[in-house]
Amino acid sequence: MNKILKVCLAFLGTILVGAIGSGVWEKLLSPLFSYLLGGITYLLSTISETYENSIFENASTISYEGQSGVIFLFGTIFLGFACIFSSTKSLQHNTFAKATNLVLSTYVKGWSGLTVGITILVFSVFMLSKQTSVFKVRQYAVKSMHIVRPYIGEDSYYKLYSDYLLVKDKKGFDAFVAQVEQYDSKYQIGMEPFSLK
């Protein structure tokens, strides 16, 4: 009976911890992470017009490698952390850290390892912020086209879709957004405005 009680309490504890973790992610960490990546994108966009234009050009393509790209980026982030762990050797009693240190200690040591790890992390965050921005642009465009579709008819919808596929830079996307906003005000739909932040 005591064993069944322990199993039930462990099961309820797992559900409670999962619910708390899910709530913390949804209410705190996810918005913070999104805000951080948006801020990085905004900063890089103010520095480089080419970077900003590449976001809108990538968003207007039909092919989407989002899932594989994000998996690659998370793998790269892991590699960056692994390089840092390997170079600092600060986790002596952790089995995972020992295995990571053993594998990478041949290639990554000392300050060079720390430099490689930080460089990989910065590159990964840079690419993840771009991928997140591309997703936001694509999501807004597709959502707004589907919202205005019943109001504007099929011909105008396909014209709007064609205009979206022809976007090559921020100026082209701004023209697309202006067209969507024109339909929004004409038919009083009440769509939310676009924001990359």
C-alpha atoms as a PDB file:
ATOM      1  CA  MET A   1       0.000   0.000   0.000  1.00  0.00           C
ATOM      2  CA  ASN A   2       2.858   2.351   0.850  1.00  0.00           C
ATOM      3  CA  LYS A   3       4.450   1.751  -2.553  1.00  0.00           C
ATOM      4  CA  ILE A   4       1.184   2.563  -4.387  1.00  0.00           C
ATOM      5  CA  LEU A   5       0.879   5.792  -2.402  1.00  0.00           C
ATOM      6  CA  LYS A   6       4.447   6.776  -3.349  1.00  0.00           C
ATOM      7  CA  VAL A   7       3.750   6.086  -7.034  1.00  0.00           C
ATOM      8  CA  CYS A   8       0.526   8.125  -6.909  1.00  0.00           C
ATOM      9  CA  LEU A   9       2.272  11.023  -5.153  1.00  0.00           C
ATOM     10  CA  ALA A  10       5.152  10.880  -7.642  1.00  0.00           C
ATOM     11  CA  PHE A  11       2.650  10.934 -10.515  1.00  0.00           C
ATOM     12  CA  LEU A  12       0.771  13.906  -9.016  1.00  0.00           C
ATOM     13  CA  GLY A  13       4.077  15.665  -8.314  1.00  0.00           C
ATOM     14  CA  THR A  14       5.144  15.186 -11.928  1.00  0.00           C
ATOM     15  CA  ILE A  15       1.878  16.661 -13.159  1.00  0.00           C
ATOM     16  CA  LEU A  16       2.216  19.598 -10.740  1.00  0.00           C
ATOM     17  CA  VAL A  17       5.827  20.315 -11.753  1.00  0.00           C
ATOM     18  CA  GLY A  18       4.873  20.035 -15.443  1.00  0.00           C
ATOM     19  CA  ALA A  19       1.953  22.415 -14.991  1.00  0.00           C
ATOM     20  CA  ILE A  20       4.112  24.927 -13.134  1.00  0.00           C
ATOM     21  CA  GLY A  21       6.864  24.632 -15.771  1.00  0.00           C
ATOM     22  CA  SER A  22       4.369  25.052 -18.591  1.00  0.00           C
ATOM     23  CA  GLY A  23       2.846  28.102 -16.943  1.00  0.00           C
ATOM     24  CA  VAL A  24       6.244  29.664 -16.289  1.00  0.00           C
ATOM     25  CA  TRP A  25       7.216  29.088 -19.934  1.00  0.00           C
ATOM     26  CA  GLU A  26       3.929  30.439 -21.303  1.00  0.00           C
ATOM     27  CA  LYS A  27       3.599  33.491 -19.057  1.00  0.00           C
ATOM     28  CA  LEU A  28       7.202  34.439 -18.355  1.00  0.00           C
ATOM     29  CA  LEU A  29       9.949  32.802 -20.389  1.00  0.00           C
ATOM     30  CA  SER A  30       8.302  32.669 -23.825  1.00  0.00           C
ATOM     31  CA  PRO A  31       7.398  36.395 -23.921  1.00  0.00           C
ATOM     32  CA  LEU A  32      10.828  37.276 -22.517  1.00  0.00           C
ATOM     33  CA  PHE A  33      12.574  35.096 -25.112  1.00  0.00           C
ATOM     34  CA  SER A  34      10.411  36.557 -27.914  1.00  0.00           C
ATOM     35  CA  TYR A  35      11.115  40.103 -26.713  1.00  0.00           C
ATOM     36  CA  LEU A  36      14.857  39.403 -26.528  1.00  0.00           C
ATOM     37  CA  LEU A  37      14.983  37.957 -30.061  1.00  0.00           C
ATOM     38  CA  GLY A  38      12.856  40.849 -31.361  1.00  0.00           C
ATOM     39  CA  GLY A  39      15.237  43.316 -29.746  1.00  0.00           C
ATOM     40  CA  ILE A  40      18.230  41.612 -31.341  1.00  0.00           C
ATOM     41  CA  THR A  41      16.505  41.717 -34.720  1.00  0.00           C
ATOM     42  CA  TYR A  42      15.662  45.397 -34.260  1.00  0.00           C
ATOM     43  CA  LEU A  43      19.243  46.215 -33.292  1.00  0.00           C
ATOM     44  CA  LEU A  44      20.717  44.293 -36.221  1.00  0.00           C
ATOM     45  CA  SER A  45      18.143  45.778 -38.611  1.00  0.00           C
ATOM     46  CA  THR A  46      19.133  49.305 -37.625  1.00  0.00           C
ATOM     47  CA  ILE A  47      22.785  48.425 -38.235  1.00  0.00           C
ATOM     48  CA  SER A  48      22.372  46.553 -41.529  1.00  0.00           C
ATOM     49  CA  GLU A  49      19.739  47.217 -44.178  1.00  0.00           C
ATOM     50  CA  THR A  50      20.805  44.031 -45.995  1.00  0.00           C
ATOM     51  CA  TYR A  51      20.001  41.979 -42.886  1.00  0.00           C
ATOM     52  CA  GLU A  52      16.586  43.624 -42.606  1.00  0.00           C
ATOM     53  CA  ASN A  53      15.817  43.082 -46.300  1.00  0.00           C
ATOM     54  CA  SER A  54      16.884  39.432 -46.093  1.00  0.00           C
ATOM     55  CA  ILE A  55      14.249  38.832 -43.392  1.00  0.00           C
ATOM     56  CA  PHE A  56      11.450  40.003 -45.672  1.00  0.00           C
ATOM     57  CA  GLU A  57      12.866  38.251 -48.731  1.00  0.00           C
ATOM     58  CA  ASN A  58      13.170  34.944 -46.876  1.00  0.00           C
ATOM     59  CA  ALA A  59       9.652  35.315 -45.487  1.00  0.00           C
ATOM     60  CA  SER A  60       8.145  35.719 -48.947  1.00  0.00           C
ATOM     61  CA  THR A  61       9.514  32.447 -50.310  1.00  0.00           C
ATOM     62  CA  ILE A  62       7.213  29.465 -50.665  1.00  0.00           C
ATOM     63  CA  SER A  63       9.737  26.914 -49.417  1.00  0.00           C
ATOM     64  CA  TYR A  64      10.052  26.858 -45.666  1.00  0.00           C
ATOM     65  CA  GLU A  65      12.883  25.122 -43.845  1.00  0.00           C
ATOM     66  CA  GLY A  66      11.801  26.459 -40.463  1.00  0.00           C
ATOM     67  CA  GLN A  67      11.733  23.228 -38.468  1.00  0.00           C
ATOM     68  CA  SER A  68      15.029  21.867 -39.761  1.00  0.00           C
ATOM     69  CA  GLY A  69      16.617  25.305 -39.457  1.00  0.00           C
ATOM     70  CA  VAL A  70      15.537  25.663 -35.846  1.00  0.00           C
ATOM     71  CA  ILE A  71      16.737  22.139 -35.022  1.00  0.00           C
ATOM     72  CA  PHE A  72      20.101  23.008 -36.589  1.00  0.00           C
ATOM     73  CA  LEU A  73      20.264  26.241 -34.591  1.00  0.00           C
ATOM     74  CA  PHE A  74      19.466  24.495 -31.318  1.00  0.00           C
ATOM     75  CA  GLY A  75      22.162  21.948 -32.166  1.00  0.00           C
ATOM     76  CA  THR A  76      24.585  24.790 -32.770  1.00  0.00           C
ATOM     77  CA  ILE A  77      23.599  26.410 -29.481  1.00  0.00           C
ATOM     78  CA  PHE A  78      24.231  23.087 -27.748  1.00  0.00           C
ATOM     79  CA  LEU A  79      27.631  22.867 -29.428  1.00  0.00           C
ATOM     80  CA  GLY A  80      28.448  26.380 -28.212  1.00  0.00           C
ATOM     81  CA  PHE A  81      27.570  25.474 -24.647  1.00  0.00           C
ATOM     82  CA  ALA A  82      29.496  22.219 -24.948  1.00  0.00           C
ATOM     83  CA  CYS A  83      32.587  24.132 -26.074  1.00  0.00           C
ATOM     84  CA  ILE A  84      32.251  26.472 -23.113  1.00  0.00           C
ATOM     85  CA  PHE A  85      31.812  23.554 -20.699  1.00  0.00           C
ATOM     86  CA  SER A  86      34.775  21.792 -22.243  1.00  0.00           C
ATOM     87  CA  SER A  87      37.027  24.791 -22.056  1.00  0.00           C
ATOM     88  CA  THR A  88      36.173  25.771 -18.495  1.00  0.00           C
ATOM     89  CA  LYS A  89      35.974  22.237 -17.084  1.00  0.00           C
ATOM     90  CA  SER A  90      33.797  23.621 -14.306  1.00  0.00           C
ATOM     91  CA  LEU A  91      31.484  20.636 -13.997  1.00  0.00           C
ATOM     92  CA  GLN A  92      33.884  17.963 -12.768  1.00  0.00           C
ATOM     93  CA  HIS A  93      31.286  15.720 -11.051  1.00  0.00           C
ATOM     94  CA  ASN A  94      28.619  15.767 -13.773  1.00  0.00           C
ATOM     95  CA  THR A  95      28.567  12.668 -16.013  1.00  0.00           C
ATOM     96  CA  PHE A  96      27.258  14.606 -19.007  1.00  0.00           C
ATOM     97  CA  ALA A  97      29.928  17.276 -18.584  1.00  0.00           C
ATOM     98  CA  LYS A  98      32.629  14.611 -18.213  1.00  0.00           C
ATOM     99  CA  ALA A  99      31.525  12.964 -21.465  1.00  0.00           C
ATOM    100  CA  THR A 100      31.369  16.323 -23.232  1.00  0.00           C
ATOM    101  CA  ASN A 101      34.760  17.314 -21.866  1.00  0.00           C
ATOM    102  CA  LEU A 102      36.250  13.980 -22.903  1.00  0.00           C
ATOM    103  CA  VAL A 103      34.997  14.279 -26.489  1.00  0.00           C
ATOM    104  CA  LEU A 104      35.808  17.943 -27.003  1.00  0.00           C
ATOM    105  CA  SER A 105      38.976  18.288 -24.933  1.00  0.00           C
ATOM    106  CA  THR A 106      41.020  17.073 -27.862  1.00  0.00           C
ATOM    107  CA  TYR A 107      39.827  19.940 -30.066  1.00  0.00           C
ATOM    108  CA  VAL A 108      38.776  22.756 -27.776  1.00  0.00           C
ATOM    109  CA  LYS A 109      40.951  23.936 -24.893  1.00  0.00           C
ATOM    110  CA  GLY A 110      41.452  27.030 -22.739  1.00  0.00           C
ATOM    111  CA  TRP A 111      40.829  30.487 -24.133  1.00  0.00           C
ATOM    112  CA  SER A 112      40.503  29.261 -27.691  1.00  0.00           C
ATOM    113  CA  GLY A 113      37.691  26.940 -26.594  1.00  0.00           C
ATOM    114  CA  LEU A 114      35.972  29.730 -24.733  1.00  0.00           C
ATOM    115  CA  THR A 115      36.279  31.970 -27.801  1.00  0.00           C
ATOM    116  CA  VAL A 116      34.907  29.253 -30.087  1.00  0.00           C
ATOM    117  CA  GLY A 117      32.003  28.567 -27.711  1.00  0.00           C
ATOM    118  CA  ILE A 118      31.037  32.217 -27.357  1.00  0.00           C
ATOM    119  CA  THR A 119      31.335  32.757 -31.116  1.00  0.00           C
ATOM    120  CA  ILE A 120      29.067  29.792 -31.820  1.00  0.00           C
ATOM    121  CA  LEU A 121      26.534  31.021 -29.251  1.00  0.00           C
ATOM    122  CA  VAL A 122      26.482  34.551 -30.674  1.00  0.00           C
ATOM    123  CA  PHE A 123      26.104  33.188 -34.206  1.00  0.00           C
ATOM    124  CA  SER A 124      23.290  30.867 -33.093  1.00  0.00           C
ATOM    125  CA  VAL A 125      21.368  33.629 -31.326  1.00  0.00           C
ATOM    126  CA  PHE A 126      21.846  35.859 -34.382  1.00  0.00           C
ATOM    127  CA  MET A 127      20.447  33.160 -36.688  1.00  0.00           C
ATOM    128  CA  LEU A 128      17.632  32.238 -34.288  1.00  0.00           C
ATOM    129  CA  SER A 129      16.532  35.869 -34.055  1.00  0.00           C
ATOM    130  CA  LYS A 130      16.458  36.081 -37.855  1.00  0.00           C
ATOM    131  CA  GLN A 131      14.502  32.814 -38.138  1.00  0.00           C
ATOM    132  CA  THR A 132      12.013  34.057 -35.534  1.00  0.00           C
ATOM    133  CA  SER A 133      11.555  37.324 -37.423  1.00  0.00           C
ATOM    134  CA  VAL A 134      11.055  35.499 -40.720  1.00  0.00           C
ATOM    135  CA  PHE A 135       8.390  33.388 -39.022  1.00  0.00           C
ATOM    136  CA  LYS A 136       6.632  36.503 -37.634  1.00  0.00           C
ATOM    137  CA  VAL A 137       6.604  38.188 -41.055  1.00  0.00           C
ATOM    138  CA  ARG A 138       5.340  35.056 -42.800  1.00  0.00           C
ATOM    139  CA  GLN A 139       2.706  34.432 -40.129  1.00  0.00           C
ATOM    140  CA  TYR A 140       1.382  38.002 -40.341  1.00  0.00           C
ATOM    141  CA  ALA A 141       1.277  37.941 -44.142  1.00  0.00           C
ATOM    142  CA  VAL A 142      -0.500  34.601 -44.458  1.00  0.00           C
ATOM    143  CA  LYS A 143      -2.923  35.377 -41.633  1.00  0.00           C
ATOM    144  CA  SER A 144      -3.830  38.805 -43.013  1.00  0.00           C
ATOM    145  CA  MET A 145      -4.304  37.450 -46.552  1.00  0.00           C
ATOM    146  CA  HIS A 146      -6.690  34.801 -45.262  1.00  0.00           C
ATOM    147  CA  ILE A 147      -8.602  37.324 -43.153  1.00  0.00           C
ATOM    148  CA  VAL A 148      -9.191  39.748 -46.041  1.00  0.00           C
ATOM    149  CA  ARG A 149      -9.898  37.013 -48.609  1.00  0.00           C
ATOM    150  CA  PRO A 150     -13.691  36.800 -48.090  1.00  0.00           C
ATOM    151  CA  TYR A 151     -13.988  40.593 -48.292  1.00  0.00           C
ATOM    152  CA  ILE A 152     -11.925  41.205 -51.439  1.00  0.00           C
ATOM    153  CA  GLY A 153     -12.800  38.208 -53.622  1.00  0.00           C
ATOM    154  CA  GLU A 154     -10.630  35.615 -55.312  1.00  0.00           C
ATOM    155  CA  ASP A 155      -9.014  37.805 -58.001  1.00  0.00           C
ATOM    156  CA  SER A 156      -7.891  40.450 -55.525  1.00  0.00           C
ATOM    157  CA  TYR A 157      -6.733  37.740 -53.116  1.00  0.00           C
ATOM    158  CA  TYR A 158      -4.531  36.131 -55.754  1.00  0.00           C
ATOM    159  CA  LYS A 159      -3.169  39.551 -56.700  1.00  0.00           C
ATOM    160  CA  LEU A 160      -2.379  40.218 -53.027  1.00  0.00           C
ATOM    161  CA  TYR A 161      -0.747  36.791 -52.719  1.00  0.00           C
ATOM    162  CA  SER A 162       1.295  37.468 -55.847  1.00  0.00           C
ATOM    163  CA  ASP A 163       2.419  40.810 -54.433  1.00  0.00           C
ATOM    164  CA  TYR A 164       3.524  39.029 -51.276  1.00  0.00           C
ATOM    165  CA  LEU A 165       5.557  36.464 -53.228  1.00  0.00           C
ATOM    166  CA  LEU A 166       7.293  39.298 -55.095  1.00  0.00           C
ATOM    167  CA  VAL A 167       8.524  40.960 -51.885  1.00  0.00           C
ATOM    168  CA  LYS A 168      12.315  41.326 -51.979  1.00  0.00           C
ATOM    169  CA  ASP A 169      12.962  43.911 -49.248  1.00  0.00           C
ATOM    170  CA  LYS A 170      11.395  45.975 -46.460  1.00  0.00           C
ATOM    171  CA  LYS A 171      10.046  48.538 -48.895  1.00  0.00           C
ATOM    172  CA  GLY A 172       8.176  45.815 -50.806  1.00  0.00           C
ATOM    173  CA  PHE A 173       6.783  44.364 -47.582  1.00  0.00           C
ATOM    174  CA  ASP A 174       5.704  47.816 -46.417  1.00  0.00           C
ATOM    175  CA  ALA A 175       3.782  48.191 -49.694  1.00  0.00           C
ATOM    176  CA  PHE A 176       2.130  44.808 -49.052  1.00  0.00           C
ATOM    177  CA  VAL A 177       1.202  45.841 -45.486  1.00  0.00           C
ATOM    178  CA  ALA A 178      -0.183  49.147 -46.772  1.00  0.00           C
ATOM    179  CA  GLN A 179      -2.388  47.216 -49.192  1.00  0.00           C
ATOM    180  CA  VAL A 180      -3.633  44.955 -46.382  1.00  0.00           C
ATOM    181  CA  GLU A 181      -4.293  47.981 -44.159  1.00  0.00           C
ATOM    182  CA  GLN A 182      -6.205  49.619 -47.016  1.00  0.00           C
ATOM    183  CA  TYR A 183      -8.482  46.570 -47.253  1.00  0.00           C
ATOM    184  CA  ASP A 184      -8.755  46.545 -43.464  1.00  0.00           C
ATOM    185  CA  SER A 185      -9.946  50.147 -43.287  1.00  0.00           C
ATOM    186  CA  LYS A 186     -12.174  49.835 -46.360  1.00  0.00           C
ATOM    187  CA  TYR A 187     -14.080  46.833 -45.006  1.00  0.00           C
ATOM    188  CA  GLN A 188     -13.634  47.758 -41.284  1.00  0.00           C
ATOM    189  CA  ILE A 189     -12.227  44.344 -40.418  1.00  0.00           C
ATOM    190  CA  GLY A 190     -10.222  45.433 -37.353  1.00  0.00           C
ATOM    191  CA  MET A 191      -6.967  43.563 -37.982  1.00  0.00           C
ATOM    192  CA  GLU A 192      -3.983  43.980 -35.705  1.00  0.00           C
ATOM    193  CA  PRO A 193      -1.092  46.083 -37.047  1.00  0.00           C
ATOM    194  CA  PHE A 194       2.196  44.462 -38.029  1.00  0.00           C
ATOM    195  CA  SER A 195       5.118  44.684 -35.638  1.00  0.00           C
ATOM    196  CA  LEU A 196       8.430  42.889 -35.914  1.00  0.00           C
ATOM    197  CA  LYS A 197       9.334  43.572 -32.258  1.00  0.00           C
END
